[in-house]
C-alpha atoms as a PDB file:
ATOM      1  CA  MET A   1      12.571  12.970  14.581  1.00  0.00           C
ATOM      2  CA  GLY A   2      10.343  13.747  11.649  1.00  0.00           C
ATOM      3  CA  THR A   3       7.043  15.018  10.318  1.00  0.00           C
ATOM      4  CA  VAL A   4       4.112  13.790   8.264  1.00  0.00           C
ATOM      5  CA  THR A   5       4.362  15.300   4.787  1.00  0.00           C
ATOM      6  CA  ALA A   6       1.399  13.521   3.141  1.00  0.00           C
ATOM      7  CA  LEU A   7      -1.652  11.443   4.039  1.00  0.00           C
ATOM      8  CA  TYR A   8      -3.546   9.164   1.656  1.00  0.00           C
ATOM      9  CA  ARG A   9      -6.474   6.796   1.855  1.00  0.00           C
ATOM     10  CA  TYR A  10      -8.018   4.467  -0.717  1.00  0.00           C
ATOM     11  CA  PRO A  11     -11.721   3.867  -0.039  1.00  0.00           C
ATOM     12  CA  VAL A  12     -11.912   1.146  -2.732  1.00  0.00           C
ATOM     13  CA  LYS A  13      -9.110  -1.389  -2.781  1.00  0.00           C
ATOM     14  CA  SER A  14      -6.681  -1.000  -5.727  1.00  0.00           C
ATOM     15  CA  MET A  15      -8.275   2.189  -7.024  1.00  0.00           C
ATOM     16  CA  LEU A  16      -6.504   5.526  -6.851  1.00  0.00           C
ATOM     17  CA  GLY A  17      -7.263   7.291  -3.606  1.00  0.00           C
ATOM     18  CA  GLU A  18      -7.343  10.771  -2.160  1.00  0.00           C
ATOM     19  CA  ALA A  19      -4.831  13.065  -0.472  1.00  0.00           C
ATOM     20  CA  LEU A  20      -5.873  14.328   2.947  1.00  0.00           C
ATOM     21  CA  THR A  21      -4.718  17.046   5.319  1.00  0.00           C
ATOM     22  CA  SER A  22      -6.228  15.370   8.398  1.00  0.00           C
ATOM     23  CA  VAL A  23      -7.785  12.001   9.163  1.00  0.00           C
ATOM     24  CA  ALA A  24      -9.138  10.041  12.099  1.00  0.00           C
ATOM     25  CA  VAL A  25      -7.264   6.830  12.833  1.00  0.00           C
ATOM     26  CA  THR A  26      -9.207   3.971  14.418  1.00  0.00           C
ATOM     27  CA  GLU A  27      -8.075   0.532  15.526  1.00  0.00           C
ATOM     28  CA  ALA A  28      -9.012  -0.608  12.004  1.00  0.00           C
ATOM     29  CA  GLY A  29      -6.708   1.918  10.314  1.00  0.00           C
ATOM     30  CA  LEU A  30      -7.417   5.250   8.653  1.00  0.00           C
ATOM     31  CA  SER A  31     -11.128   6.022   8.711  1.00  0.00           C
ATOM     32  CA  GLY A  32     -12.557   5.209   5.288  1.00  0.00           C
ATOM     33  CA  ASP A  33      -9.543   3.266   4.033  1.00  0.00           C
ATOM     34  CA  ARG A  34     -10.171   0.086   1.986  1.00  0.00           C
ATOM     35  CA  VAL A  35     -13.780  -0.116   3.101  1.00  0.00           C
ATOM     36  CA  PHE A  36     -14.898  -1.473  -0.300  1.00  0.00           C
ATOM     37  CA  ALA A  37     -13.455  -3.837  -2.862  1.00  0.00           C
ATOM     38  CA  VAL A  38     -14.397  -5.033  -6.326  1.00  0.00           C
ATOM     39  CA  LEU A  39     -15.213  -8.763  -6.395  1.00  0.00           C
ATOM     40  CA  ASP A  40     -15.826 -11.096  -9.295  1.00  0.00           C
ATOM     41  CA  GLU A  41     -17.997 -14.203  -9.603  1.00  0.00           C
ATOM     42  CA  THR A  42     -15.085 -16.539  -8.803  1.00  0.00           C
ATOM     43  CA  GLY A  43     -14.598 -15.005  -5.343  1.00  0.00           C
ATOM     44  CA  ALA A  44     -11.439 -13.105  -6.279  1.00  0.00           C
ATOM     45  CA  VAL A  45     -10.865  -9.783  -4.503  1.00  0.00           C
ATOM     46  CA  GLY A  46      -9.884  -7.097  -7.000  1.00  0.00           C
ATOM     47  CA  SER A  47      -6.193  -6.274  -6.616  1.00  0.00           C
ATOM     48  CA  ALA A  48      -3.852  -4.661  -9.134  1.00  0.00           C
ATOM     49  CA  LYS A  49      -1.204  -7.054  -7.820  1.00  0.00           C
ATOM     50  CA  HIS A  50      -2.574  -9.159 -10.689  1.00  0.00           C
ATOM     51  CA  PRO A  51      -2.438  -6.421 -13.340  1.00  0.00           C
ATOM     52  CA  ARG A  52      -3.627  -8.477 -16.308  1.00  0.00           C
ATOM     53  CA  LYS A  53      -6.852  -9.178 -14.459  1.00  0.00           C
ATOM     54  CA  TRP A  54      -7.339  -6.081 -12.299  1.00  0.00           C
ATOM     55  CA  GLY A  55      -4.929  -3.395 -13.531  1.00  0.00           C
ATOM     56  CA  GLU A  56      -7.733  -1.254 -14.951  1.00  0.00           C
ATOM     57  CA  LEU A  57      -8.794  -0.448 -11.387  1.00  0.00           C
ATOM     58  CA  LEU A  58      -5.798   1.905 -11.181  1.00  0.00           C
ATOM     59  CA  ARG A  59      -7.518   4.067 -13.795  1.00  0.00           C
ATOM     60  CA  CYS A  60     -10.406   4.646 -11.370  1.00  0.00           C
ATOM     61  CA  ARG A  61     -10.376   6.932  -8.343  1.00  0.00           C
ATOM     62  CA  SER A  62     -12.302   6.586  -5.089  1.00  0.00           C
ATOM     63  CA  ARG A  63     -12.994   9.224  -2.442  1.00  0.00           C
ATOM     64  CA  LEU A  64     -15.322  10.033   0.421  1.00  0.00           C
ATOM     65  CA  ASP A  65     -17.641  12.961  -0.197  1.00  0.00           C
ATOM     66  CA  GLU A  66     -18.796  15.474   2.416  1.00  0.00           C
ATOM     67  CA  SER A  67     -21.514  13.098   3.645  1.00  0.00           C
ATOM     68  CA  GLY A  68     -19.068  10.216   4.083  1.00  0.00           C
ATOM     69  CA  THR A  69     -20.340   8.366   1.010  1.00  0.00           C
ATOM     70  CA  VAL A  70     -17.761   6.660  -1.204  1.00  0.00           C
ATOM     71  CA  ARG A  71     -17.797   7.861  -4.800  1.00  0.00           C
ATOM     72  CA  VAL A  72     -15.906   6.368  -7.725  1.00  0.00           C
ATOM     73  CA  ALA A  73     -14.670   8.298 -10.776  1.00  0.00           C
ATOM     74  CA  LEU A  74     -14.260   6.089 -13.856  1.00  0.00           C
ATOM     75  CA  PRO A  75     -11.631   6.701 -16.568  1.00  0.00           C
ATOM     76  CA  ASP A  76     -14.145   8.594 -18.741  1.00  0.00           C
ATOM     77  CA  GLY A  77     -14.958  10.988 -15.881  1.00  0.00           C
ATOM     78  CA  THR A  78     -18.270   9.403 -14.903  1.00  0.00           C
ATOM     79  CA  THR A  79     -18.658   9.606 -11.120  1.00  0.00           C
ATOM     80  CA  LEU A  80     -21.103   7.412  -9.235  1.00  0.00           C
ATOM     81  CA  ARG A  81     -21.906   6.503  -5.654  1.00  0.00           C
ATOM     82  CA  VAL A  82     -20.459   3.171  -4.633  1.00  0.00           C
ATOM     83  CA  ASP A  83     -23.974   1.803  -4.049  1.00  0.00           C
ATOM     84  CA  ASP A  84     -25.224   2.750  -7.537  1.00  0.00           C
ATOM     85  CA  PRO A  85     -25.996  -0.492  -9.464  1.00  0.00           C
ATOM     86  CA  GLU A  86     -24.757   1.172 -12.643  1.00  0.00           C
ATOM     87  CA  LEU A  87     -21.247   1.346 -11.183  1.00  0.00           C
ATOM     88  CA  GLY A  88     -20.870  -2.436 -11.006  1.00  0.00           C
ATOM     89  CA  PHE A  89     -22.068  -2.732 -14.598  1.00  0.00           C
ATOM     90  CA  LEU A  90     -19.603  -0.113 -15.864  1.00  0.00           C
ATOM     91  CA  LEU A  91     -16.720  -1.634 -13.915  1.00  0.00           C
ATOM     92  CA  GLY A  92     -17.626  -4.990 -15.457  1.00  0.00           C
ATOM     93  CA  LYS A  93     -17.324  -3.456 -18.930  1.00  0.00           C
ATOM     94  CA  LEU A  94     -13.969  -1.951 -17.990  1.00  0.00           C
ATOM     95  CA  LEU A  95     -12.631  -5.245 -16.611  1.00  0.00           C
ATOM     96  CA  GLY A  96     -14.241  -7.512 -19.188  1.00  0.00           C
ATOM     97  CA  ARG A  97     -16.263  -9.710 -16.829  1.00  0.00           C
ATOM     98  CA  PRO A  98     -19.092  -9.404 -14.289  1.00  0.00           C
ATOM     99  CA  VAL A  99     -18.043  -7.758 -11.022  1.00  0.00           C
ATOM    100  CA  HIS A 100     -19.658  -6.019  -8.080  1.00  0.00           C
ATOM    101  CA  LEU A 101     -18.567  -3.783  -5.216  1.00  0.00           C
ATOM    102  CA  SER A 102     -18.874  -4.921  -1.648  1.00  0.00           C
ATOM    103  CA  SER A 103     -18.062  -3.754   1.853  1.00  0.00           C
ATOM    104  CA  VAL A 104     -18.367  -7.338   3.101  1.00  0.00           C
ATOM    105  CA  VAL A 105     -15.188  -9.403   3.051  1.00  0.00           C
ATOM    106  CA  PRO A 106     -15.987 -12.821   1.553  1.00  0.00           C
ATOM    107  CA  GLU A 107     -15.172 -15.699   3.863  1.00  0.00           C
ATOM    108  CA  HIS A 108     -13.101 -17.459   1.217  1.00  0.00           C
ATOM    109  CA  GLY A 109     -12.150 -14.494  -0.931  1.00  0.00           C
ATOM    110  CA  ARG A 110      -8.960 -15.027  -2.937  1.00  0.00           C
ATOM    111  CA  LEU A 111      -6.163 -12.511  -3.374  1.00  0.00           C
ATOM    112  CA  GLU A 112      -4.118 -13.174  -6.498  1.00  0.00           C
ATOM    113  CA  ARG A 113      -0.607 -11.822  -7.093  1.00  0.00           C
ATOM    114  CA  ALA A 114       1.452 -11.913 -10.265  1.00  0.00           C
ATOM    115  CA  VAL A 115       4.892 -13.458  -9.783  1.00  0.00           C
ATOM    116  CA  PRO A 116       7.520 -10.877 -10.800  1.00  0.00           C
ATOM    117  CA  ALA A 117      10.680 -11.892 -12.626  1.00  0.00           C
ATOM    118  CA  TYR A 118      13.014  -9.958 -10.330  1.00  0.00           C
ATOM    119  CA  GLU A 119      14.559 -11.560  -7.256  1.00  0.00           C
ATOM    120  CA  GLY A 120      12.883 -10.939  -3.925  1.00  0.00           C
ATOM    121  CA  GLY A 121       9.509 -10.124  -5.449  1.00  0.00           C
ATOM    122  CA  VAL A 122       7.881 -13.139  -3.837  1.00  0.00           C
ATOM    123  CA  PRO A 123       9.091 -15.719  -1.291  1.00  0.00           C
ATOM    124  CA  ASP A 124      10.861 -18.607  -3.002  1.00  0.00           C
ATOM    125  CA  VAL A 125       8.435 -21.130  -1.537  1.00  0.00           C
ATOM    126  CA  LEU A 126       5.530 -19.291  -3.174  1.00  0.00           C
ATOM    127  CA  ARG A 127       7.371 -18.835  -6.467  1.00  0.00           C
ATOM    128  CA  ASP A 128       7.889 -22.602  -6.610  1.00  0.00           C
ATOM    129  CA  SER A 129       4.175 -23.250  -6.070  1.00  0.00           C
ATOM    130  CA  ALA A 130       2.858 -20.610  -8.493  1.00  0.00           C
ATOM    131  CA  SER A 131       0.417 -21.574 -11.239  1.00  0.00           C
ATOM    132  CA  VAL A 132      -0.556 -20.058 -14.577  1.00  0.00           C
ATOM    133  CA  ASP A 133      -4.122 -18.792 -14.759  1.00  0.00           C
ATOM    134  CA  GLU A 134      -6.478 -18.071 -17.646  1.00  0.00           C
ATOM    135  CA  THR A 135      -4.747 -14.762 -18.410  1.00  0.00           C
ATOM    136  CA  GLY A 136      -1.438 -16.549 -19.009  1.00  0.00           C
ATOM    137  CA  GLU A 137       0.076 -14.941 -15.907  1.00  0.00           C
ATOM    138  CA  SER A 138       2.017 -16.888 -13.318  1.00  0.00           C
ATOM    139  CA  ILE A 139       0.292 -16.136 -10.011  1.00  0.00           C
ATOM    140  CA  THR A 140       0.214 -17.049  -6.352  1.00  0.00           C
ATOM    141  CA  THR A 141      -3.050 -17.147  -4.421  1.00  0.00           C
ATOM    142  CA  GLY A 142      -3.626 -16.154  -0.823  1.00  0.00           C
ATOM    143  CA  ARG A 143      -6.107 -14.326   1.386  1.00  0.00           C
ATOM    144  CA  VAL A 144      -6.659 -10.778   2.565  1.00  0.00           C
ATOM    145  CA  ALA A 145      -6.041 -10.055   6.246  1.00  0.00           C
ATOM    146  CA  GLY A 146      -8.818 -11.536   8.362  1.00  0.00           C
ATOM    147  CA  GLY A 147     -12.073  -9.616   8.146  1.00  0.00           C
ATOM    148  CA  THR A 148     -10.552  -6.772   6.087  1.00  0.00           C
ATOM    149  CA  PHE A 149      -9.599  -5.836   2.550  1.00  0.00           C
ATOM    150  CA  PHE A 150      -6.014  -5.105   3.646  1.00  0.00           C
ATOM    151  CA  ASP A 151      -3.200  -7.315   2.410  1.00  0.00           C
ATOM    152  CA  PHE A 152      -1.475  -7.301   5.803  1.00  0.00           C
ATOM    153  CA  GLY A 153      -0.973  -4.278   8.086  1.00  0.00           C
ATOM    154  CA  ARG A 154      -3.742  -1.760   8.705  1.00  0.00           C
ATOM    155  CA  VAL A 155      -1.529   1.266   7.939  1.00  0.00           C
ATOM    156  CA  HIS A 156       1.339   1.660   5.483  1.00  0.00           C
ATOM    157  CA  LEU A 157       4.162   4.179   5.958  1.00  0.00           C
ATOM    158  CA  VAL A 158       6.920   5.235   3.542  1.00  0.00           C
ATOM    159  CA  THR A 159       9.791   7.590   4.370  1.00  0.00           C
ATOM    160  CA  ALA A 160      11.070  10.352   2.127  1.00  0.00           C
ATOM    161  CA  SER A 161      14.574   9.116   2.943  1.00  0.00           C
ATOM    162  CA  SER A 162      13.916   5.733   1.333  1.00  0.00           C
ATOM    163  CA  LEU A 163      12.454   7.335  -1.769  1.00  0.00           C
ATOM    164  CA  ALA A 164      15.437   9.687  -2.026  1.00  0.00           C
ATOM    165  CA  ARG A 165      17.847   6.770  -1.669  1.00  0.00           C
ATOM    166  CA  MET A 166      16.123   4.923  -4.497  1.00  0.00           C
ATOM    167  CA  ARG A 167      16.261   8.014  -6.718  1.00  0.00           C
ATOM    168  CA  GLU A 168      20.013   8.053  -6.195  1.00  0.00           C
ATOM    169  CA  ALA A 169      20.228   4.385  -7.126  1.00  0.00           C
ATOM    170  CA  TYR A 170      17.974   4.703 -10.183  1.00  0.00           C
ATOM    171  CA  PRO A 171      18.003   8.347 -11.354  1.00  0.00           C
ATOM    172  CA  ALA A 172      15.801   7.606 -14.364  1.00  0.00           C
ATOM    173  CA  GLY A 173      13.058   6.275 -12.113  1.00  0.00           C
ATOM    174  CA  ASP A 174       9.988   8.151 -10.948  1.00  0.00           C
ATOM    175  CA  PHE A 175       9.809   7.460  -7.214  1.00  0.00           C
ATOM    176  CA  ASP A 176       6.674   9.460  -6.575  1.00  0.00           C
ATOM    177  CA  PRO A 177       5.358   8.146  -3.227  1.00  0.00           C
ATOM    178  CA  ARG A 178       1.909   7.589  -4.738  1.00  0.00           C
ATOM    179  CA  ARG A 179       3.296   4.591  -6.651  1.00  0.00           C
ATOM    180  CA  PHE A 180       3.746   2.789  -3.333  1.00  0.00           C
ATOM    181  CA  ARG A 181       0.219   3.543  -2.093  1.00  0.00           C
ATOM    182  CA  PRO A 182       1.186   4.656   1.423  1.00  0.00           C
ATOM    183  CA  ASN A 183      -1.140   6.037   4.059  1.00  0.00           C
ATOM    184  CA  LEU A 184       1.616   8.152   5.618  1.00  0.00           C
ATOM    185  CA  VAL A 185       4.654   9.739   3.995  1.00  0.00           C
ATOM    186  CA  VAL A 186       7.233  10.774   6.584  1.00  0.00           C
ATOM    187  CA  ASP A 187      10.211  13.115   6.319  1.00  0.00           C
ATOM    188  CA  THR A 188      12.887  12.083   8.817  1.00  0.00           C
ATOM    189  CA  GLY A 189      15.274  14.882   7.867  1.00  0.00           C
ATOM    190  CA  THR A 190      18.741  14.616   6.411  1.00  0.00           C
ATOM    191  CA  GLY A 191      19.584  11.115   7.579  1.00  0.00           C
ATOM    192  CA  THR A 192      22.475  12.249   9.780  1.00  0.00           C
ATOM    193  CA  GLY A 193      21.612   9.966  12.689  1.00  0.00           C
ATOM    194  CA  THR A 194      20.006  12.500  15.004  1.00  0.00           C
ATOM    195  CA  GLY A 195      18.267   9.732  16.954  1.00  0.00           C
ATOM    196  CA  THR A 196      15.396  10.064  19.416  1.00  0.00           C
ATOM    197  CA  GLY A 197      16.951   9.567  22.813  1.00  0.00           C
ATOM    198  CA  THR A 198      15.086   6.255  23.144  1.00  0.00           C
ATOM    199  CA  GLY A 199      17.788   3.833  22.078  1.00  0.00           C
ATOM    200  CA  ILE A 200      16.607   3.755  18.459  1.00  0.00           C
ATOM    201  CA  ASP A 201      18.545   5.602  15.769  1.00  0.00           C
ATOM    202  CA  ALA A 202      15.775   7.189  13.733  1.00  0.00           C
ATOM    203  CA  ASP A 203      18.020   7.607  10.690  1.00  0.00           C
ATOM    204  CA  SER A 204      19.989   4.375  10.786  1.00  0.00           C
ATOM    205  CA  GLY A 205      20.789   2.481   7.613  1.00  0.00           C
ATOM    206  CA  PRO A 206      21.876   3.758   4.199  1.00  0.00           C
ATOM    207  CA  GLY A 207      18.822   5.892   3.510  1.00  0.00           C
ATOM    208  CA  PHE A 208      16.240   3.442   4.856  1.00  0.00           C
ATOM    209  CA  PRO A 209      15.571   4.654   8.429  1.00  0.00           C
ATOM    210  CA  GLU A 210      12.454   2.532   8.856  1.00  0.00           C
ATOM    211  CA  ASP A 211      14.596  -0.624   8.783  1.00  0.00           C
ATOM    212  CA  ALA A 212      15.456   0.117  12.432  1.00  0.00           C
ATOM    213  CA  TRP A 213      11.853   0.556  13.544  1.00  0.00           C
ATOM    214  CA  THR A 214      10.460  -3.000  13.466  1.00  0.00           C
ATOM    215  CA  GLY A 215       8.820  -3.725  16.817  1.00  0.00           C
ATOM    216  CA  ALA A 216       9.026  -0.080  17.902  1.00  0.00           C
ATOM    217  CA  ARG A 217       6.175   2.317  18.535  1.00  0.00           C
ATOM    218  CA  LEU A 218       5.527   5.470  16.524  1.00  0.00           C
ATOM    219  CA  ARG A 219       3.668   8.392  18.062  1.00  0.00           C
ATOM    220  CA  VAL A 220       2.104  10.321  15.180  1.00  0.00           C
ATOM    221  CA  GLY A 221      -0.127  13.194  16.208  1.00  0.00           C
ATOM    222  CA  GLU A 222      -2.721  11.741  18.586  1.00  0.00           C
ATOM    223  CA  ALA A 223      -2.297   8.164  17.342  1.00  0.00           C
ATOM    224  CA  LEU A 224       0.141   5.481  18.438  1.00  0.00           C
ATOM    225  CA  PHE A 225       1.301   2.748  16.080  1.00  0.00           C
ATOM    226  CA  ARG A 226       3.431  -0.380  16.316  1.00  0.00           C
ATOM    227  CA  VAL A 227       5.799  -1.118  13.440  1.00  0.00           C
ATOM    228  CA  VAL A 228       5.084  -4.704  12.423  1.00  0.00           C
ATOM    229  CA  VAL A 229       7.228  -5.612   9.427  1.00  0.00           C
ATOM    230  CA  PRO A 230       8.893  -4.157   6.308  1.00  0.00           C
ATOM    231  CA  THR A 231       6.538  -3.901   3.338  1.00  0.00           C
ATOM    232  CA  PRO A 232       7.314  -6.427   0.576  1.00  0.00           C
ATOM    233  CA  ARG A 233       6.705  -4.821  -2.792  1.00  0.00           C
ATOM    234  CA  CYS A 234       4.746  -6.335  -5.657  1.00  0.00           C
ATOM    235  CA  VAL A 235       4.401  -5.127  -9.252  1.00  0.00           C
ATOM    236  CA  ILE A 236       2.032  -2.253  -8.423  1.00  0.00           C
ATOM    237  CA  PRO A 237       4.737   0.490  -8.177  1.00  0.00           C
ATOM    238  CA  THR A 238       5.740  -0.284 -11.775  1.00  0.00           C
ATOM    239  CA  LEU A 239       2.238   0.326 -13.144  1.00  0.00           C
ATOM    240  CA  GLY A 240       0.649   3.552 -14.333  1.00  0.00           C
ATOM    241  CA  HIS A 241      -1.137   5.478 -11.574  1.00  0.00           C
ATOM    242  CA  GLY A 242      -3.300   8.236 -13.019  1.00  0.00           C
ATOM    243  CA  GLU A 243      -0.889  10.747 -14.500  1.00  0.00           C
ATOM    244  CA  LEU A 244       2.118   8.677 -13.373  1.00  0.00           C
ATOM    245  CA  ALA A 245       3.358   6.595 -16.314  1.00  0.00           C
ATOM    246  CA  ALA A 246       4.332   2.948 -16.006  1.00  0.00           C
ATOM    247  CA  ASP A 247       7.974   2.440 -15.021  1.00  0.00           C
ATOM    248  CA  PRO A 248       9.054  -1.242 -15.026  1.00  0.00           C
ATOM    249  CA  GLY A 249      12.520  -0.340 -13.723  1.00  0.00           C
ATOM    250  CA  ILE A 250      11.201   0.824 -10.343  1.00  0.00           C
ATOM    251  CA  MET A 251      10.985  -2.585  -8.705  1.00  0.00           C
ATOM    252  CA  ARG A 252      14.095  -3.950 -10.372  1.00  0.00           C
ATOM    253  CA  ALA A 253      15.950  -1.096  -8.669  1.00  0.00           C
ATOM    254  CA  VAL A 254      14.376  -1.848  -5.284  1.00  0.00           C
ATOM    255  CA  ALA A 255      15.256  -5.532  -5.736  1.00  0.00           C
ATOM    256  CA  ARG A 256      18.894  -4.637  -6.414  1.00  0.00           C
ATOM    257  CA  HIS A 257      19.292  -2.166  -3.573  1.00  0.00           C
ATOM    258  CA  HIS A 258      16.926  -3.097  -0.759  1.00  0.00           C
ATOM    259  CA  ARG A 259      16.159  -6.729  -0.022  1.00  0.00           C
ATOM    260  CA  VAL A 260      15.665  -7.335   3.694  1.00  0.00           C
ATOM    261  CA  PRO A 261      14.494 -10.232   5.892  1.00  0.00           C
ATOM    262  CA  VAL A 262      10.719 -10.410   6.337  1.00  0.00           C
ATOM    263  CA  LEU A 263       9.402 -12.749   9.038  1.00  0.00           C
ATOM    264  CA  ASP A 264      10.331 -16.292   7.939  1.00  0.00           C
ATOM    265  CA  LEU A 265       9.872 -15.540   4.232  1.00  0.00           C
ATOM    266  CA  GLY A 266      13.489 -14.769   3.365  1.00  0.00           C
ATOM    267  CA  ARG A 267      14.979 -11.568   1.970  1.00  0.00           C
ATOM    268  CA  LEU A 268      12.352  -9.669  -0.003  1.00  0.00           C
ATOM    269  CA  SER A 269      12.323  -6.428  -1.985  1.00  0.00           C
ATOM    270  CA  CYS A 270      10.883  -3.918   0.469  1.00  0.00           C
ATOM    271  CA  LEU A 271      10.136  -0.235   0.762  1.00  0.00           C
ATOM    272  CA  GLY A 272       8.185   1.147   3.708  1.00  0.00           C
ATOM    273  CA  VAL A 273       6.699  -0.566   6.760  1.00  0.00           C
ATOM    274  CA  TYR A 274       3.339  -1.900   7.873  1.00  0.00           C
ATOM    275  CA  LEU A 275       1.861  -0.542  11.114  1.00  0.00           C
ATOM    276  CA  ASP A 276      -0.796  -1.708  13.540  1.00  0.00           C
ATOM    277  CA  VAL A 277      -2.810   0.824  15.538  1.00  0.00           C
ATOM    278  CA  LEU A 278      -2.284   0.794  19.309  1.00  0.00           C
ATOM    279  CA  GLU A 279      -4.129   4.023  20.141  1.00  0.00           C
ATOM    280  CA  ALA A 280      -6.706   5.755  17.971  1.00  0.00           C
ATOM    281  CA  GLY A 281      -6.553   9.494  17.327  1.00  0.00           C
ATOM    282  CA  ARG A 282      -6.344  12.196  14.710  1.00  0.00           C
ATOM    283  CA  VAL A 283      -3.310  12.546  12.436  1.00  0.00           C
ATOM    284  CA  GLU A 284      -2.579  15.650  10.366  1.00  0.00           C
ATOM    285  CA  VAL A 285      -0.039  16.690   7.777  1.00  0.00           C
ATOM    286  CA  GLY A 286       2.745  18.444   9.681  1.00  0.00           C
ATOM    287  CA  ASP A 287       2.375  16.293  12.796  1.00  0.00           C
ATOM    288  CA  THR A 288       5.593  15.367  14.554  1.00  0.00           C
ATOM    289  CA  ILE A 289       6.616  11.712  14.633  1.00  0.00           C
ATOM    290  CA  THR A 290       8.615  10.175  17.462  1.00  0.00           C
ATOM    291  CA  VAL A 291       9.961   6.643  17.762  1.00  0.00           C
ATOM    292  CA  GLN A 292       9.525   4.926  21.118  1.00  0.00           C
ATOM    293  CA  GLN A 293      11.393   1.874  22.371  1.00  0.00           C
ATOM    294  CA  ALA A 294       9.157  -1.185  22.533  1.00  0.00           C
ATOM    295  CA  ASP A 295       8.376  -2.490  26.029  1.00  0.00           C
END
């Protein structure tokens, strides 16, 4: 019912990542994905979801070299190993406060998110309990997923159909998939409802085929995934990502055209889905994707 058109991983949380042609998928997600994060002295985990505090991380790029070592390229082109003490110092200068990199998830590490003005950008119950921090930003505070630097699911998938639908809705917008920081970008075809023969219409919905996949299984190359939940979107897609300029209209458009129920949190602005890994294996660009009915 479709193919993988792009693979991405982000070795350091909230930094730009790297495009891949092939990657091993483990029960923890894509090998090498979000294995480090930048932490500050308050216990906050660096996330561009709070752009006033951490947005500069999106000007840095992380990758795994041939030996499997994570390297970080800073905005001025300086590239250092993740374990180089100089890197923490230079990131501190960039962010304006002491920070360090860690592969160890702090037991009480905080994850801060700016509260967007558009509807569906945060559950109403969290919007009502938001507070203003030292940057002057209204934020909510939560935790990363247990024992990881992921926000929720271990793998994030976006379909080309959803991106195309949003381009139709907001032609001035730049819906480059990299804005949404997916691990997998999937082309499901023309959206004509070809189906899979498993009781799930792979191209159901007005350009958002993944809406029909929650609870289903996806066979992608050698790996098998379970679709957990639609992906609620924060402010990150509106920010600059390397050569991609900031575009504040991106999420306003998603909020107008695609708010869907998420767990018990209400109708949120979503694009893409979170996946859990059921079976490990290798995934490559060009691999076929099939949707399987959940047991």
